[in-house]
C-alpha atoms as a PDB file:
ATOM      1  CA  MET A   1      46.001  10.767 -38.855  1.00  0.00           C
ATOM      2  CA  LEU A   2      42.575  11.558 -37.454  1.00  0.00           C
ATOM      3  CA  VAL A   3      40.251  12.658 -40.251  1.00  0.00           C
ATOM      4  CA  THR A   4      36.721  13.901 -39.574  1.00  0.00           C
ATOM      5  CA  CYS A   5      34.352  15.013 -42.330  1.00  0.00           C
ATOM      6  CA  VAL A   6      32.561  18.238 -41.510  1.00  0.00           C
ATOM      7  CA  PRO A   7      29.610  19.513 -43.571  1.00  0.00           C
ATOM      8  CA  LEU A   8      30.115  23.195 -44.322  1.00  0.00           C
ATOM      9  CA  PHE A   9      26.986  25.068 -45.427  1.00  0.00           C
ATOM     10  CA  VAL A  10      27.506  28.238 -47.452  1.00  0.00           C
ATOM     11  CA  GLY A  11      24.362  29.687 -48.998  1.00  0.00           C
ATOM     12  CA  ARG A  12      22.684  26.848 -50.913  1.00  0.00           C
ATOM     13  CA  LEU A  13      25.960  24.951 -51.336  1.00  0.00           C
ATOM     14  CA  LYS A  14      27.049  22.076 -49.146  1.00  0.00           C
ATOM     15  CA  THR A  15      30.766  21.327 -49.162  1.00  0.00           C
ATOM     16  CA  VAL A  16      32.333  18.496 -47.165  1.00  0.00           C
ATOM     17  CA  MET A  17      35.547  19.636 -45.509  1.00  0.00           C
ATOM     18  CA  ARG A  18      37.802  17.359 -43.495  1.00  0.00           C
ATOM     19  CA  GLU A  19      39.447  17.954 -40.167  1.00  0.00           C
ATOM     20  CA  ILE A  20      43.047  16.742 -39.918  1.00  0.00           C
ATOM     21  CA  ALA A  21      45.247  16.171 -36.896  1.00  0.00           C
ATOM     22  CA  CYS A  22      48.882  17.081 -36.355  1.00  0.00           C
ATOM     23  CA  PRO A  23      51.147  14.779 -38.456  1.00  0.00           C
ATOM     24  CA  ILE A  24      53.959  14.994 -35.906  1.00  0.00           C
ATOM     25  CA  CYS A  25      52.198  13.850 -32.747  1.00  0.00           C
ATOM     26  CA  ASN A  26      48.753  12.866 -34.101  1.00  0.00           C
ATOM     27  CA  ASP A  27      47.126  15.153 -31.557  1.00  0.00           C
ATOM     28  CA  SER A  28      43.835  16.746 -32.595  1.00  0.00           C
ATOM     29  CA  GLU A  29      43.910  19.212 -29.692  1.00  0.00           C
ATOM     30  CA  ARG A  30      44.736  22.687 -31.011  1.00  0.00           C
ATOM     31  CA  THR A  31      44.081  26.364 -30.645  1.00  0.00           C
ATOM     32  CA  VAL A  32      42.853  28.579 -33.465  1.00  0.00           C
ATOM     33  CA  VAL A  33      45.475  31.090 -34.609  1.00  0.00           C
ATOM     34  CA  PHE A  34      43.514  32.689 -37.479  1.00  0.00           C
ATOM     35  CA  ALA A  35      39.948  32.172 -38.682  1.00  0.00           C
ATOM     36  CA  ALA A  36      39.371  30.933 -42.233  1.00  0.00           C
ATOM     37  CA  THR A  37      38.947  33.506 -45.003  1.00  0.00           C
ATOM     38  CA  LEU A  38      37.108  31.283 -47.481  1.00  0.00           C
ATOM     39  CA  PRO A  39      34.593  33.174 -49.644  1.00  0.00           C
ATOM     40  CA  ALA A  40      30.883  32.939 -48.935  1.00  0.00           C
ATOM     41  CA  ASP A  41      30.249  31.066 -52.208  1.00  0.00           C
ATOM     42  CA  PHE A  42      33.070  28.547 -51.658  1.00  0.00           C
ATOM     43  CA  ASP A  43      32.640  25.298 -53.598  1.00  0.00           C
ATOM     44  CA  GLU A  44      35.249  22.539 -53.773  1.00  0.00           C
ATOM     45  CA  ALA A  45      34.144  21.659 -57.312  1.00  0.00           C
ATOM     46  CA  ALA A  46      35.235  25.128 -58.455  1.00  0.00           C
ATOM     47  CA  PRO A  47      37.596  26.465 -55.783  1.00  0.00           C
ATOM     48  CA  PRO A  48      38.689  30.119 -55.794  1.00  0.00           C
ATOM     49  CA  SER A  49      42.193  31.274 -56.658  1.00  0.00           C
ATOM     50  CA  PRO A  50      44.433  29.430 -54.162  1.00  0.00           C
ATOM     51  CA  TYR A  51      46.096  32.709 -53.195  1.00  0.00           C
ATOM     52  CA  SER A  52      42.847  34.553 -52.458  1.00  0.00           C
ATOM     53  CA  ALA A  53      41.979  32.802 -49.198  1.00  0.00           C
ATOM     54  CA  HIS A  54      43.200  30.441 -46.493  1.00  0.00           C
ATOM     55  CA  TYR A  55      41.736  27.750 -44.299  1.00  0.00           C
ATOM     56  CA  ARG A  56      41.447  28.070 -40.532  1.00  0.00           C
ATOM     57  CA  ILE A  57      44.996  28.197 -39.143  1.00  0.00           C
ATOM     58  CA  ASN A  58      45.622  26.167 -35.979  1.00  0.00           C
ATOM     59  CA  LYS A  59      48.442  25.470 -33.532  1.00  0.00           C
ATOM     60  CA  CYS A  60      48.972  21.958 -32.180  1.00  0.00           C
ATOM     61  CA  ALA A  61      48.648  21.865 -28.401  1.00  0.00           C
ATOM     62  CA  SER A  62      51.397  19.235 -28.071  1.00  0.00           C
ATOM     63  CA  CYS A  63      54.243  20.147 -30.443  1.00  0.00           C
ATOM     64  CA  GLY A  64      53.362  23.664 -31.622  1.00  0.00           C
ATOM     65  CA  LEU A  65      53.020  22.840 -35.337  1.00  0.00           C
ATOM     66  CA  ILE A  66      50.977  25.428 -37.226  1.00  0.00           C
ATOM     67  CA  TYR A  67      48.577  23.839 -39.707  1.00  0.00           C
ATOM     68  CA  SER A  68      45.369  24.257 -41.710  1.00  0.00           C
ATOM     69  CA  SER A  69      42.186  22.419 -40.744  1.00  0.00           C
ATOM     70  CA  PRO A  70      39.572  21.722 -41.949  1.00  0.00           C
ATOM     71  CA  ILE A  71      40.744  21.451 -45.568  1.00  0.00           C
ATOM     72  CA  MET A  72      39.240  20.333 -48.887  1.00  0.00           C
ATOM     73  CA  ASN A  73      38.843  16.681 -49.784  1.00  0.00           C
ATOM     74  CA  ASP A  74      41.186  14.842 -52.172  1.00  0.00           C
ATOM     75  CA  ALA A  75      39.318  15.941 -55.293  1.00  0.00           C
ATOM     76  CA  GLY A  76      39.416  19.597 -54.292  1.00  0.00           C
ATOM     77  CA  VAL A  77      43.133  19.496 -53.438  1.00  0.00           C
ATOM     78  CA  ALA A  78      43.999  17.706 -56.694  1.00  0.00           C
ATOM     79  CA  GLU A  79      41.981  20.245 -58.670  1.00  0.00           C
ATOM     80  CA  LEU A  80      44.365  23.024 -57.582  1.00  0.00           C
ATOM     81  CA  TYR A  81      47.310  21.296 -59.290  1.00  0.00           C
ATOM     82  CA  GLU A  82      46.060  19.127 -62.120  1.00  0.00           C
ATOM     83  CA  HIS A  83      44.196  21.918 -63.894  1.00  0.00           C
ATOM     84  CA  SER A  84      46.677  24.688 -63.228  1.00  0.00           C
ATOM     85  CA  SER A  85      47.415  26.854 -66.280  1.00  0.00           C
ATOM     86  CA  GLU A  86      50.878  27.960 -65.139  1.00  0.00           C
ATOM     87  CA  THR A  87      54.155  26.716 -63.675  1.00  0.00           C
ATOM     88  CA  ASN A  88      55.886  27.974 -60.553  1.00  0.00           C
ATOM     89  CA  VAL A  89      58.467  29.814 -62.674  1.00  0.00           C
ATOM     90  CA  GLU A  90      57.655  33.272 -63.988  1.00  0.00           C
ATOM     91  CA  LEU A  91      58.620  34.033 -67.567  1.00  0.00           C
ATOM     92  CA  GLY A  92      62.077  35.605 -67.596  1.00  0.00           C
ATOM     93  CA  GLU A  93      63.087  34.177 -64.217  1.00  0.00           C
ATOM     94  CA  GLU A  94      64.232  30.780 -65.486  1.00  0.00           C
ATOM     95  CA  ASP A  95      67.978  31.367 -65.020  1.00  0.00           C
ATOM     96  CA  ASN A  96      67.446  32.781 -61.547  1.00  0.00           C
ATOM     97  CA  VAL A  97      65.383  29.752 -60.549  1.00  0.00           C
ATOM     98  CA  ARG A  98      68.175  27.544 -61.904  1.00  0.00           C
ATOM     99  CA  ARG A  99      70.577  29.348 -59.550  1.00  0.00           C
ATOM    100  CA  THR A 100      68.194  28.797 -56.641  1.00  0.00           C
ATOM    101  CA  MET A 101      67.882  25.086 -57.416  1.00  0.00           C
ATOM    102  CA  ALA A 102      71.660  24.791 -57.625  1.00  0.00           C
ATOM    103  CA  LEU A 103      71.818  26.238 -54.103  1.00  0.00           C
ATOM    104  CA  TYR A 104      69.258  23.690 -52.916  1.00  0.00           C
ATOM    105  CA  TYR A 105      71.230  20.878 -54.544  1.00  0.00           C
ATOM    106  CA  GLY A 106      74.294  22.199 -52.739  1.00  0.00           C
ATOM    107  CA  LEU A 107      72.657  21.284 -49.424  1.00  0.00           C
ATOM    108  CA  ALA A 108      72.809  17.606 -50.388  1.00  0.00           C
ATOM    109  CA  LYS A 109      76.084  17.515 -52.283  1.00  0.00           C
ATOM    110  CA  PRO A 110      78.542  17.188 -49.340  1.00  0.00           C
ATOM    111  CA  HIS A 111      76.584  14.238 -47.932  1.00  0.00           C
ATOM    112  CA  LEU A 112      76.100  12.091 -51.038  1.00  0.00           C
ATOM    113  CA  SER A 113      77.823   8.715 -51.002  1.00  0.00           C
ATOM    114  CA  ALA A 114      76.851   7.867 -54.610  1.00  0.00           C
ATOM    115  CA  ARG A 115      75.294   9.537 -57.654  1.00  0.00           C
ATOM    116  CA  ASP A 116      73.410   6.782 -59.427  1.00  0.00           C
ATOM    117  CA  ARG A 117      69.735   7.729 -59.154  1.00  0.00           C
ATOM    118  CA  MET A 118      67.886  10.834 -57.979  1.00  0.00           C
ATOM    119  CA  LEU A 119      64.153  11.508 -57.574  1.00  0.00           C
ATOM    120  CA  ASP A 120      62.684  15.020 -57.436  1.00  0.00           C
ATOM    121  CA  ILE A 121      59.111  14.983 -56.113  1.00  0.00           C
ATOM    122  CA  GLY A 122      57.214  17.958 -57.482  1.00  0.00           C
ATOM    123  CA  CYS A 123      60.004  18.666 -59.959  1.00  0.00           C
ATOM    124  CA  ASP A 124      58.197  21.547 -61.729  1.00  0.00           C
ATOM    125  CA  MET A 125      60.286  22.478 -64.809  1.00  0.00           C
ATOM    126  CA  GLY A 126      63.174  20.227 -63.770  1.00  0.00           C
ATOM    127  CA  PHE A 127      65.871  22.746 -62.846  1.00  0.00           C
ATOM    128  CA  LEU A 128      66.945  20.771 -59.769  1.00  0.00           C
ATOM    129  CA  LEU A 129      67.287  17.679 -61.934  1.00  0.00           C
ATOM    130  CA  GLU A 130      69.568  19.696 -64.200  1.00  0.00           C
ATOM    131  CA  ALA A 131      71.781  20.557 -61.215  1.00  0.00           C
ATOM    132  CA  ALA A 132      72.012  16.874 -60.268  1.00  0.00           C
ATOM    133  CA  ARG A 133      72.830  15.890 -63.857  1.00  0.00           C
ATOM    134  CA  ASP A 134      75.615  18.468 -63.997  1.00  0.00           C
ATOM    135  CA  ASP A 135      77.075  16.930 -60.818  1.00  0.00           C
ATOM    136  CA  GLY A 136      77.206  13.466 -62.356  1.00  0.00           C
ATOM    137  CA  PHE A 137      73.893  11.779 -61.544  1.00  0.00           C
ATOM    138  CA  ALA A 138      73.312   9.009 -64.059  1.00  0.00           C
ATOM    139  CA  GLU A 139      69.518   8.596 -63.783  1.00  0.00           C
ATOM    140  CA  LEU A 140      67.049  11.420 -63.172  1.00  0.00           C
ATOM    141  CA  TYR A 141      63.478  10.782 -62.060  1.00  0.00           C
ATOM    142  CA  GLY A 142      60.780  13.370 -61.504  1.00  0.00           C
ATOM    143  CA  ILE A 143      57.111  13.511 -60.510  1.00  0.00           C
ATOM    144  CA  GLU A 144      55.026  16.511 -61.522  1.00  0.00           C
ATOM    145  CA  PRO A 145      51.199  16.763 -61.650  1.00  0.00           C
ATOM    146  CA  ASN A 146      51.206  20.130 -63.434  1.00  0.00           C
ATOM    147  CA  PRO A 147      51.033  19.330 -67.179  1.00  0.00           C
ATOM    148  CA  ILE A 148      52.779  22.493 -68.404  1.00  0.00           C
ATOM    149  CA  ALA A 149      55.715  22.166 -66.010  1.00  0.00           C
ATOM    150  CA  ARG A 150      55.943  18.430 -66.692  1.00  0.00           C
ATOM    151  CA  SER A 151      56.268  18.967 -70.439  1.00  0.00           C
ATOM    152  CA  VAL A 152      59.272  21.256 -69.866  1.00  0.00           C
ATOM    153  CA  ALA A 153      60.981  18.878 -67.421  1.00  0.00           C
ATOM    154  CA  SER A 154      60.531  15.979 -69.836  1.00  0.00           C
ATOM    155  CA  ARG A 155      62.863  17.680 -72.303  1.00  0.00           C
ATOM    156  CA  ILE A 156      65.855  17.279 -69.964  1.00  0.00           C
ATOM    157  CA  GLU A 157      68.176  14.682 -71.419  1.00  0.00           C
ATOM    158  CA  GLY A 158      68.125  11.476 -69.414  1.00  0.00           C
ATOM    159  CA  SER A 159      65.080  12.421 -67.351  1.00  0.00           C
ATOM    160  CA  MET A 160      62.065  10.186 -66.665  1.00  0.00           C
ATOM    161  CA  ILE A 161      59.142  12.408 -65.615  1.00  0.00           C
ATOM    162  CA  ILE A 162      55.775  10.952 -64.669  1.00  0.00           C
ATOM    163  CA  ASP A 163      52.347  12.403 -63.998  1.00  0.00           C
ATOM    164  CA  GLY A 164      50.464  12.297 -60.712  1.00  0.00           C
ATOM    165  CA  PHE A 165      51.407  12.167 -57.059  1.00  0.00           C
ATOM    166  CA  TYR A 166      54.214  10.324 -55.304  1.00  0.00           C
ATOM    167  CA  GLU A 167      51.863   8.536 -52.900  1.00  0.00           C
ATOM    168  CA  ARG A 168      50.207   6.810 -55.884  1.00  0.00           C
ATOM    169  CA  THR A 169      53.487   5.577 -57.385  1.00  0.00           C
ATOM    170  CA  ASP A 170      56.033   3.004 -56.347  1.00  0.00           C
ATOM    171  CA  TYR A 171      59.728   2.451 -56.901  1.00  0.00           C
ATOM    172  CA  PRO A 172      62.065  -0.363 -55.850  1.00  0.00           C
ATOM    173  CA  VAL A 173      63.274  -0.268 -52.255  1.00  0.00           C
ATOM    174  CA  ASP A 174      66.830   0.951 -51.620  1.00  0.00           C
ATOM    175  CA  HIS A 175      66.762   2.657 -55.029  1.00  0.00           C
ATOM    176  CA  PHE A 176      67.699   6.349 -54.785  1.00  0.00           C
ATOM    177  CA  ASP A 177      70.816   8.121 -53.547  1.00  0.00           C
ATOM    178  CA  LEU A 178      68.928  11.409 -53.316  1.00  0.00           C
ATOM    179  CA  ILE A 179      65.280  12.408 -53.011  1.00  0.00           C
ATOM    180  CA  THR A 180      64.283  16.071 -53.067  1.00  0.00           C
ATOM    181  CA  MET A 181      61.026  17.809 -52.138  1.00  0.00           C
ATOM    182  CA  ILE A 182      61.107  21.534 -52.842  1.00  0.00           C
ATOM    183  CA  HIS A 183      58.003  23.209 -51.411  1.00  0.00           C
ATOM    184  CA  VAL A 184      56.156  19.902 -51.345  1.00  0.00           C
ATOM    185  CA  LEU A 185      55.793  18.787 -47.716  1.00  0.00           C
ATOM    186  CA  ASP A 186      53.736  21.805 -46.700  1.00  0.00           C
ATOM    187  CA  HIS A 187      51.277  21.113 -49.550  1.00  0.00           C
ATOM    188  CA  LEU A 188      50.589  17.479 -48.614  1.00  0.00           C
ATOM    189  CA  VAL A 189      47.554  16.148 -46.780  1.00  0.00           C
ATOM    190  CA  ASP A 190      49.597  13.646 -44.761  1.00  0.00           C
ATOM    191  CA  PRO A 191      53.386  14.138 -45.052  1.00  0.00           C
ATOM    192  CA  ARG A 192      53.959  11.058 -42.902  1.00  0.00           C
ATOM    193  CA  ILE A 193      52.870   8.820 -45.784  1.00  0.00           C
ATOM    194  CA  THR A 194      55.266  10.554 -48.169  1.00  0.00           C
ATOM    195  CA  LEU A 195      58.221  10.359 -45.794  1.00  0.00           C
ATOM    196  CA  SER A 196      57.520   6.697 -45.057  1.00  0.00           C
ATOM    197  CA  HIS A 197      57.662   6.016 -48.804  1.00  0.00           C
ATOM    198  CA  ALA A 198      60.831   8.059 -49.182  1.00  0.00           C
ATOM    199  CA  ILE A 199      62.809   6.359 -46.421  1.00  0.00           C
ATOM    200  CA  LYS A 200      61.943   3.008 -48.023  1.00  0.00           C
ATOM    201  CA  HIS A 201      62.959   4.149 -51.510  1.00  0.00           C
ATOM    202  CA  LEU A 202      66.255   5.671 -50.377  1.00  0.00           C
ATOM    203  CA  ARG A 203      69.348   3.554 -50.135  1.00  0.00           C
ATOM    204  CA  PRO A 204      70.841   3.231 -46.654  1.00  0.00           C
ATOM    205  CA  ARG A 205      72.670   6.515 -46.021  1.00  0.00           C
ATOM    206  CA  GLY A 206      70.706   8.057 -48.895  1.00  0.00           C
ATOM    207  CA  ILE A 207      69.906  11.748 -48.547  1.00  0.00           C
ATOM    208  CA  LEU A 208      66.596  13.587 -48.554  1.00  0.00           C
ATOM    209  CA  VAL A 209      66.450  17.376 -48.947  1.00  0.00           C
ATOM    210  CA  ALA A 210      63.220  19.285 -48.404  1.00  0.00           C
ATOM    211  CA  VAL A 211      62.577  23.031 -48.533  1.00  0.00           C
ATOM    212  CA  VAL A 212      59.530  24.689 -46.960  1.00  0.00           C
ATOM    213  CA  HIS A 213      58.403  28.131 -45.885  1.00  0.00           C
ATOM    214  CA  ASN A 214      59.438  29.183 -42.378  1.00  0.00           C
ATOM    215  CA  VAL A 215      56.440  30.210 -40.289  1.00  0.00           C
ATOM    216  CA  ASP A 216      58.875  31.694 -37.737  1.00  0.00           C
ATOM    217  CA  SER A 217      60.425  34.026 -40.321  1.00  0.00           C
ATOM    218  CA  LEU A 218      60.447  37.763 -39.676  1.00  0.00           C
ATOM    219  CA  LEU A 219      57.940  38.250 -42.484  1.00  0.00           C
ATOM    220  CA  GLY A 220      55.606  35.671 -41.000  1.00  0.00           C
ATOM    221  CA  ARG A 221      55.709  37.281 -37.568  1.00  0.00           C
ATOM    222  CA  LEU A 222      55.175  40.780 -38.959  1.00  0.00           C
ATOM    223  CA  LEU A 223      52.327  40.003 -41.364  1.00  0.00           C
ATOM    224  CA  GLY A 224      50.287  37.655 -39.207  1.00  0.00           C
ATOM    225  CA  ASP A 225      47.069  36.713 -41.004  1.00  0.00           C
ATOM    226  CA  ARG A 226      48.337  38.450 -44.176  1.00  0.00           C
ATOM    227  CA  PHE A 227      51.393  36.158 -44.478  1.00  0.00           C
ATOM    228  CA  PRO A 228      51.244  35.158 -48.191  1.00  0.00           C
ATOM    229  CA  VAL A 229      52.091  31.548 -47.331  1.00  0.00           C
ATOM    230  CA  PHE A 230      48.695  31.229 -45.634  1.00  0.00           C
ATOM    231  CA  ASN A 231      46.737  30.123 -48.713  1.00  0.00           C
ATOM    232  CA  LEU A 232      44.796  27.135 -50.039  1.00  0.00           C
ATOM    233  CA  TYR A 233      47.932  25.444 -51.384  1.00  0.00           C
ATOM    234  CA  HIS A 234      49.487  25.071 -47.933  1.00  0.00           C
ATOM    235  CA  HIS A 235      48.322  22.743 -45.180  1.00  0.00           C
ATOM    236  CA  TYR A 236      51.387  22.929 -42.887  1.00  0.00           C
ATOM    237  CA  PHE A 237      53.584  25.803 -41.769  1.00  0.00           C
ATOM    238  CA  PHE A 238      56.850  24.545 -40.320  1.00  0.00           C
ATOM    239  CA  SER A 239      59.532  26.035 -38.118  1.00  0.00           C
ATOM    240  CA  LYS A 240      63.033  24.592 -37.853  1.00  0.00           C
ATOM    241  CA  ALA A 241      61.976  22.697 -34.722  1.00  0.00           C
ATOM    242  CA  THR A 242      58.749  21.186 -36.052  1.00  0.00           C
ATOM    243  CA  LEU A 243      60.330  20.258 -39.392  1.00  0.00           C
ATOM    244  CA  ALA A 244      63.104  18.347 -37.612  1.00  0.00           C
ATOM    245  CA  GLN A 245      60.555  16.657 -35.329  1.00  0.00           C
ATOM    246  CA  LEU A 246      58.540  15.424 -38.315  1.00  0.00           C
ATOM    247  CA  PHE A 247      61.583  13.792 -39.918  1.00  0.00           C
ATOM    248  CA  ARG A 248      62.845  12.189 -36.710  1.00  0.00           C
ATOM    249  CA  ARG A 249      59.413  10.690 -36.040  1.00  0.00           C
ATOM    250  CA  ARG A 250      59.567   9.032 -39.484  1.00  0.00           C
ATOM    251  CA  GLY A 251      62.943   7.409 -38.762  1.00  0.00           C
ATOM    252  CA  PHE A 252      65.335   9.861 -40.441  1.00  0.00           C
ATOM    253  CA  GLU A 253      68.647  11.069 -39.084  1.00  0.00           C
ATOM    254  CA  VAL A 254      68.494  14.861 -39.285  1.00  0.00           C
ATOM    255  CA  ILE A 255      71.819  16.255 -40.468  1.00  0.00           C
ATOM    256  CA  ASP A 256      70.899  19.944 -40.514  1.00  0.00           C
ATOM    257  CA  VAL A 257      68.050  22.444 -40.787  1.00  0.00           C
ATOM    258  CA  VAL A 258      69.132  25.754 -42.286  1.00  0.00           C
ATOM    259  CA  LYS A 259      67.826  29.007 -43.700  1.00  0.00           C
ATOM    260  CA  THR A 260      67.985  28.970 -47.487  1.00  0.00           C
ATOM    261  CA  ARG A 261      68.463  31.693 -50.115  1.00  0.00           C
ATOM    262  CA  ASN A 262      66.611  32.397 -53.330  1.00  0.00           C
ATOM    263  CA  CYS A 263      67.809  34.112 -56.483  1.00  0.00           C
ATOM    264  CA  TYR A 264      65.372  36.336 -58.385  1.00  0.00           C
ATOM    265  CA  SER A 265      65.506  39.632 -60.212  1.00  0.00           C
ATOM    266  CA  LEU A 266      65.059  42.886 -58.341  1.00  0.00           C
ATOM    267  CA  GLY A 267      61.910  43.437 -60.367  1.00  0.00           C
ATOM    268  CA  PHE A 268      60.465  40.091 -59.305  1.00  0.00           C
ATOM    269  CA  PHE A 269      61.031  40.820 -55.619  1.00  0.00           C
ATOM    270  CA  THR A 270      59.648  44.340 -55.964  1.00  0.00           C
ATOM    271  CA  LYS A 271      56.422  43.205 -57.602  1.00  0.00           C
ATOM    272  CA  ARG A 272      55.808  40.741 -54.764  1.00  0.00           C
ATOM    273  CA  LEU A 273      56.747  42.738 -51.697  1.00  0.00           C
ATOM    274  CA  PRO A 274      53.955  41.856 -49.248  1.00  0.00           C
ATOM    275  CA  GLY A 275      52.339  44.399 -46.979  1.00  0.00           C
ATOM    276  CA  LEU A 276      52.746  47.336 -49.388  1.00  0.00           C
ATOM    277  CA  PRO A 277      50.023  49.054 -51.410  1.00  0.00           C
ATOM    278  CA  GLU A 278      49.888  48.005 -55.052  1.00  0.00           C
ATOM    279  CA  ALA A 279      50.580  51.569 -56.216  1.00  0.00           C
ATOM    280  CA  ILE A 280      53.885  51.645 -54.314  1.00  0.00           C
ATOM    281  CA  ARG A 281      54.967  48.310 -55.761  1.00  0.00           C
ATOM    282  CA  ARG A 282      54.119  49.435 -59.284  1.00  0.00           C
ATOM    283  CA  GLY A 283      56.002  52.699 -58.803  1.00  0.00           C
ATOM    284  CA  ALA A 284      59.089  50.949 -57.464  1.00  0.00           C
ATOM    285  CA  PHE A 285      59.036  48.438 -60.322  1.00  0.00           C
ATOM    286  CA  GLY A 286      58.686  51.244 -62.860  1.00  0.00           C
ATOM    287  CA  ALA A 287      61.699  53.013 -61.378  1.00  0.00           C
ATOM    288  CA  LEU A 288      63.762  49.820 -61.641  1.00  0.00           C
ATOM    289  CA  GLU A 289      62.741  49.336 -65.249  1.00  0.00           C
ATOM    290  CA  ALA A 290      63.636  52.929 -66.082  1.00  0.00           C
ATOM    291  CA  THR A 291      67.135  52.480 -64.657  1.00  0.00           C
ATOM    292  CA  GLY A 292      67.656  49.040 -66.213  1.00  0.00           C
ATOM    293  CA  LEU A 293      67.865  47.335 -62.814  1.00  0.00           C
ATOM    294  CA  ALA A 294      64.634  45.343 -62.968  1.00  0.00           C
ATOM    295  CA  THR A 295      66.426  42.253 -64.325  1.00  0.00           C
ATOM    296  CA  PHE A 296      69.438  42.501 -61.979  1.00  0.00           C
ATOM    297  CA  PRO A 297      69.699  39.192 -60.049  1.00  0.00           C
ATOM    298  CA  VAL A 298      69.914  39.164 -56.259  1.00  0.00           C
ATOM    299  CA  THR A 299      70.314  36.185 -53.938  1.00  0.00           C
ATOM    300  CA  ILE A 300      68.870  36.679 -50.467  1.00  0.00           C
ATOM    301  CA  PRO A 301      67.036  34.739 -47.737  1.00  0.00           C
ATOM    302  CA  VAL A 302      63.287  35.136 -48.243  1.00  0.00           C
ATOM    303  CA  GLY A 303      61.945  33.125 -45.321  1.00  0.00           C
ATOM    304  CA  ASN A 304      62.508  29.501 -46.382  1.00  0.00           C
ATOM    305  CA  ILE A 305      64.205  26.675 -44.513  1.00  0.00           C
ATOM    306  CA  GLY A 306      65.782  23.489 -45.806  1.00  0.00           C
ATOM    307  CA  ILE A 307      66.293  20.175 -44.053  1.00  0.00           C
ATOM    308  CA  VAL A 308      69.000  17.663 -44.913  1.00  0.00           C
ATOM    309  CA  ALA A 309      68.190  14.177 -43.585  1.00  0.00           C
ATOM    310  CA  ARG A 310      69.651  10.720 -44.042  1.00  0.00           C
ATOM    311  CA  ARG A 311      68.252   7.211 -44.024  1.00  0.00           C
ATOM    312  CA  PRO A 312      70.195   5.446 -41.282  1.00  0.00           C
ATOM    313  CA  ILE A 313      71.898   2.126 -41.897  1.00  0.00           C
ATOM    314  CA  ASP A 314      69.447  -0.562 -40.796  1.00  0.00           C
END
């Protein structure tokens, strides 16, 4: 991947950002979709809330992938995760997230030829590992840089959870029957490196399942620059077509790319409805609480896509 360091001057601060090229076709030719919304006092050593801004959003001239560039350096990206004070699971939503992870595991289940070892990259609190254990997986491995989430996942019986990032670890070749990446690929600096590791670590005919946000979703098209997925956590914004292209370029056999569903409470969805004034969201949530419906679980598509891919027999 082409990487160019670009000095960015903001006030008296100097921050080195890096330009990245498209990971599908390695083309650095692109058009700007949305200008960056980084604050005037931006500093990689103390970045703002990841949800408060986004990088410049670009579209690859060759394959149409939407991606962020320039982005922070390795230290700035790692800072967003390693010093996070929260997990990705809101208090009270644990059972609903378990249901969502069971649905994600269900994408892989019909295609598994064995259930010896599974690796979940970015395993958060380990709910997907629980689903695999309940389906008979003997060994459960997870990688999670967030210390709070990692401590929860480590309590799962039979799990082996490590700190850090997948690209800095190694496992035996032909080792896993299943590797999962739930909302991981779009956070990476170079997903090609990760997928090259994964295809090596999978057994022949082993399955990889990844879930990402869908930039072609109705919400994405309606909200434009205000699409919540455009934030400092995300470097890539895939469609079904570009996600499949990325996997095929890394040697995978793509089995399917599908819309996925998420299970959360009505209250959770109401509090996060994008594009609505805060007062309306608060009023709607209050009405749900008053009627006892705030905790009612619903399972609906929310603009994510999942890919099921296989390592071919060599």
